[in-house]
Amino acid sequence: MTDWLAGGHRRDLAIERIHAAAADLIARKGMAGLNIDHVAAEAGCSRATVYRYVGGKSALRDAVLAEATARIAETIQHSAAAHTGSDRITHAILAALTAVRADPVATAFLATTTPAEVDEYLASNTRLASAATQLTGTGDDLIAGQWIVRVVLSLLFWPATDPAEERTLVERFVLPAFGT
């Protein structure tokens, strides 16, 4: 039997493997599927190893959600980087919708959490609001960032019939709020 932590820095390898197992469980079974025993079994380690390297269930959930958020933000950043002004705002919001819908952890989180959890982790998250203003190029207004996050969430929970309609909604109702 080979050591599953061979070939690199043990701590980093353990965390990566445990996070990957947790992300896979969330993607397949939703947030309720995140269970330390199941994560340990998926990662091929003991329950004690999970606690030693990543902490308990809430720390693991938070880390996996942070990784998904970082992946999504990077996708939006790459997609919106070449755009400016109102085109950047529109492009970033639409890219966010596409990136969230394509991410299995984000999709499972939104599908299997309560409105209070969505509010805690997304709508009221000041770091996410700050990222929204940076990605859209709208400045440092956290209230505007929280509103952008809520716009994205509303379109995720109540999508338009097609991408063209979503673009129209953003251009007609979001852009005027930024004076564009």
Protein backbone atom coordinates (compact mmCIF):
# COMPACT_ATOMS: atom_id res chain seq x y z
CA MET A 1 0.00 0.00 0.00
CA THR A 2 1.41 3.39 -0.97
CA ASP A 3 1.33 6.44 1.26
CA TRP A 4 -1.37 8.77 -0.10
CA LEU A 5 0.63 11.75 1.15
CA ALA A 6 3.87 10.78 -0.59
CA GLY A 7 5.48 13.01 -3.16
CA GLY A 8 5.09 16.46 -1.66
CA HIS A 9 4.43 18.49 1.43
CA ARG A 10 2.23 16.25 3.59
CA ARG A 11 0.06 19.01 5.03
CA ASP A 12 -0.68 20.58 1.65
CA LEU A 13 -1.37 17.21 0.05
CA ALA A 14 -3.70 16.18 2.90
CA ILE A 15 -5.65 19.44 2.77
CA GLU A 16 -5.94 19.27 -1.02
CA ARG A 17 -7.16 15.69 -0.95
CA ILE A 18 -9.64 16.30 1.88
CA HIS A 19 -11.01 19.44 0.22
CA ALA A 20 -11.39 17.57 -3.08
CA ALA A 21 -13.30 14.76 -1.34
CA ALA A 22 -15.56 17.28 0.41
CA ALA A 23 -16.18 19.20 -2.82
CA ASP A 24 -17.08 15.96 -4.60
CA LEU A 25 -19.52 15.00 -1.84
CA ILE A 26 -21.14 18.43 -1.90
CA ALA A 27 -21.45 18.31 -5.68
CA ARG A 28 -23.06 14.86 -5.56
CA LYS A 29 -25.15 15.03 -2.38
CA GLY A 30 -25.57 18.72 -1.58
CA MET A 31 -24.59 20.43 1.62
CA ALA A 32 -26.33 17.75 3.68
CA GLY A 33 -23.91 15.22 2.18
CA LEU A 34 -20.98 16.91 3.86
CA ASN A 35 -20.22 14.51 6.68
CA ILE A 36 -16.77 14.06 8.25
CA ASP A 37 -16.99 10.25 8.13
CA HIS A 38 -17.93 10.33 4.44
CA VAL A 39 -15.19 12.86 3.65
CA ALA A 40 -12.63 10.68 5.43
CA ALA A 41 -13.78 7.61 3.50
CA GLU A 42 -13.66 9.49 0.17
CA ALA A 43 -10.21 10.89 0.95
CA GLY A 44 -8.89 7.53 2.14
CA CYS A 45 -7.93 8.76 5.59
CA SER A 46 -9.19 8.67 9.12
CA ARG A 47 -11.66 11.00 10.72
CA ALA A 48 -8.82 12.22 12.97
CA THR A 49 -6.79 13.17 9.89
CA VAL A 50 -9.66 15.30 8.59
CA TYR A 51 -9.91 17.13 11.92
CA ARG A 52 -6.14 17.49 12.20
CA TYR A 53 -5.68 19.06 8.78
CA VAL A 54 -8.89 21.00 8.13
CA GLY A 55 -10.90 21.15 11.35
CA GLY A 56 -14.55 20.30 11.73
CA LYS A 57 -17.46 20.32 9.37
CA SER A 58 -18.03 24.08 9.37
CA ALA A 59 -14.34 24.84 8.71
CA LEU A 60 -14.34 22.29 5.90
CA ARG A 61 -17.55 23.70 4.40
CA ASP A 62 -16.18 27.23 4.60
CA ALA A 63 -12.91 26.22 2.93
CA VAL A 64 -14.64 24.38 0.09
CA LEU A 65 -17.01 27.31 -0.49
CA ALA A 66 -14.07 29.74 -0.44
CA GLU A 67 -12.27 27.64 -3.05
CA ALA A 68 -15.38 27.57 -5.26
CA THR A 69 -15.79 31.33 -4.85
CA ALA A 70 -12.15 31.90 -5.80
CA ARG A 71 -12.53 29.72 -8.93
CA ILE A 72 -15.65 31.62 -9.94
CA ALA A 73 -14.03 35.02 -9.30
CA GLU A 74 -11.00 34.04 -11.38
CA THR A 75 -13.26 33.00 -14.25
CA ILE A 76 -15.15 36.30 -14.07
CA GLN A 77 -11.90 38.28 -13.87
CA HIS A 78 -10.49 36.62 -16.99
CA SER A 79 -13.76 37.05 -18.83
CA ALA A 80 -14.34 40.70 -17.92
CA ALA A 81 -10.74 41.96 -18.00
CA ALA A 82 -10.89 43.28 -21.56
CA HIS A 83 -14.12 45.20 -20.99
CA THR A 84 -14.69 48.67 -19.53
CA GLY A 85 -17.57 50.82 -18.34
CA SER A 86 -21.10 49.53 -18.78
CA ASP A 87 -19.88 46.68 -20.98
CA ARG A 88 -17.70 45.45 -18.10
CA ILE A 89 -20.60 45.57 -15.63
CA THR A 90 -22.84 43.62 -17.98
CA HIS A 91 -20.14 41.17 -18.96
CA ALA A 92 -19.08 40.51 -15.34
CA ILE A 93 -22.63 39.86 -14.17
CA LEU A 94 -23.37 37.53 -17.09
CA ALA A 95 -19.99 35.79 -16.63
CA ALA A 96 -20.84 35.31 -12.95
CA LEU A 97 -24.09 33.59 -13.89
CA THR A 98 -22.30 31.28 -16.30
CA ALA A 99 -19.47 30.51 -13.87
CA VAL A 100 -21.76 29.77 -10.93
CA ARG A 101 -24.00 27.57 -13.05
CA ALA A 102 -20.95 25.64 -14.26
CA ASP A 103 -19.43 25.11 -10.81
CA PRO A 104 -20.71 21.89 -9.18
CA VAL A 105 -20.06 23.07 -5.62
CA ALA A 106 -21.77 26.43 -6.14
CA THR A 107 -24.71 24.79 -7.87
CA ALA A 108 -25.12 22.24 -5.08
CA PHE A 109 -24.78 24.93 -2.42
CA LEU A 110 -27.51 27.06 -3.98
CA ALA A 111 -29.78 24.07 -4.52
CA THR A 112 -29.49 22.62 -1.04
CA THR A 113 -29.20 25.50 1.41
CA THR A 114 -31.72 27.64 3.21
CA PRO A 115 -32.33 31.29 2.36
CA ALA A 116 -30.65 32.22 5.66
CA GLU A 117 -27.48 30.35 4.63
CA VAL A 118 -27.51 31.99 1.20
CA ASP A 119 -27.81 35.36 2.91
CA GLU A 120 -25.02 34.60 5.40
CA TYR A 121 -22.54 33.22 2.89
CA LEU A 122 -23.37 35.29 -0.18
CA ALA A 123 -25.76 38.23 0.02
CA SER A 124 -24.40 39.71 3.26
CA ASN A 125 -20.78 38.75 2.70
CA THR A 126 -18.74 41.97 2.55
CA ARG A 127 -15.76 40.23 0.92
CA LEU A 128 -18.02 39.00 -1.86
CA ALA A 129 -19.54 42.47 -2.24
CA SER A 130 -16.05 43.96 -2.47
CA ALA A 131 -15.09 41.40 -5.11
CA ALA A 132 -18.27 42.22 -7.05
CA THR A 133 -17.34 45.90 -7.24
CA GLN A 134 -13.81 45.05 -8.35
CA LEU A 135 -14.95 42.56 -10.97
CA THR A 136 -17.53 44.94 -12.40
CA GLY A 137 -15.24 47.96 -12.14
CA THR A 138 -17.82 49.92 -10.14
CA GLY A 139 -15.52 51.25 -7.41
CA ASP A 140 -15.44 50.56 -3.69
CA ASP A 141 -19.11 50.99 -2.81
CA LEU A 142 -19.96 47.94 -0.70
CA ILE A 143 -23.70 48.64 -0.89
CA ALA A 144 -23.44 48.55 -4.69
CA GLY A 145 -21.44 45.33 -4.41
CA GLN A 146 -24.07 43.72 -2.22
CA TRP A 147 -26.71 44.80 -4.70
CA ILE A 148 -24.73 43.25 -7.59
CA VAL A 149 -24.47 40.00 -5.61
CA ARG A 150 -28.24 40.08 -5.04
CA VAL A 151 -28.86 40.72 -8.75
CA VAL A 152 -26.75 37.68 -9.62
CA LEU A 153 -28.51 35.59 -6.96
CA SER A 154 -31.94 36.64 -8.21
CA LEU A 155 -31.05 35.58 -11.74
CA LEU A 156 -29.65 32.30 -10.44
CA PHE A 157 -32.80 31.50 -8.46
CA TRP A 158 -35.20 32.94 -11.03
CA PRO A 159 -33.41 32.71 -14.37
CA ALA A 160 -34.67 34.37 -17.51
CA THR A 161 -35.74 32.18 -20.39
CA ASP A 162 -32.42 32.53 -22.21
CA PRO A 163 -29.07 34.39 -22.05
CA ALA A 164 -30.30 37.16 -24.36
CA GLU A 165 -33.15 37.96 -21.98
CA GLU A 166 -30.75 37.97 -19.02
CA ARG A 167 -28.52 40.43 -20.89
CA THR A 168 -31.54 42.64 -21.57
CA LEU A 169 -32.53 42.58 -17.90
CA VAL A 170 -29.03 43.58 -16.81
CA GLU A 171 -28.72 46.31 -19.43
CA ARG A 172 -32.17 47.74 -18.78
CA PHE A 173 -32.37 47.54 -14.98
CA VAL A 174 -28.84 47.26 -13.59
CA LEU A 175 -26.82 49.61 -15.76
CA PRO A 176 -29.00 52.68 -15.03
CA ALA A 177 -28.19 52.31 -11.35
CA PHE A 178 -24.56 53.03 -12.24
CA GLY A 179 -25.39 55.99 -14.46
CA THR A 180 -24.51 54.17 -17.66
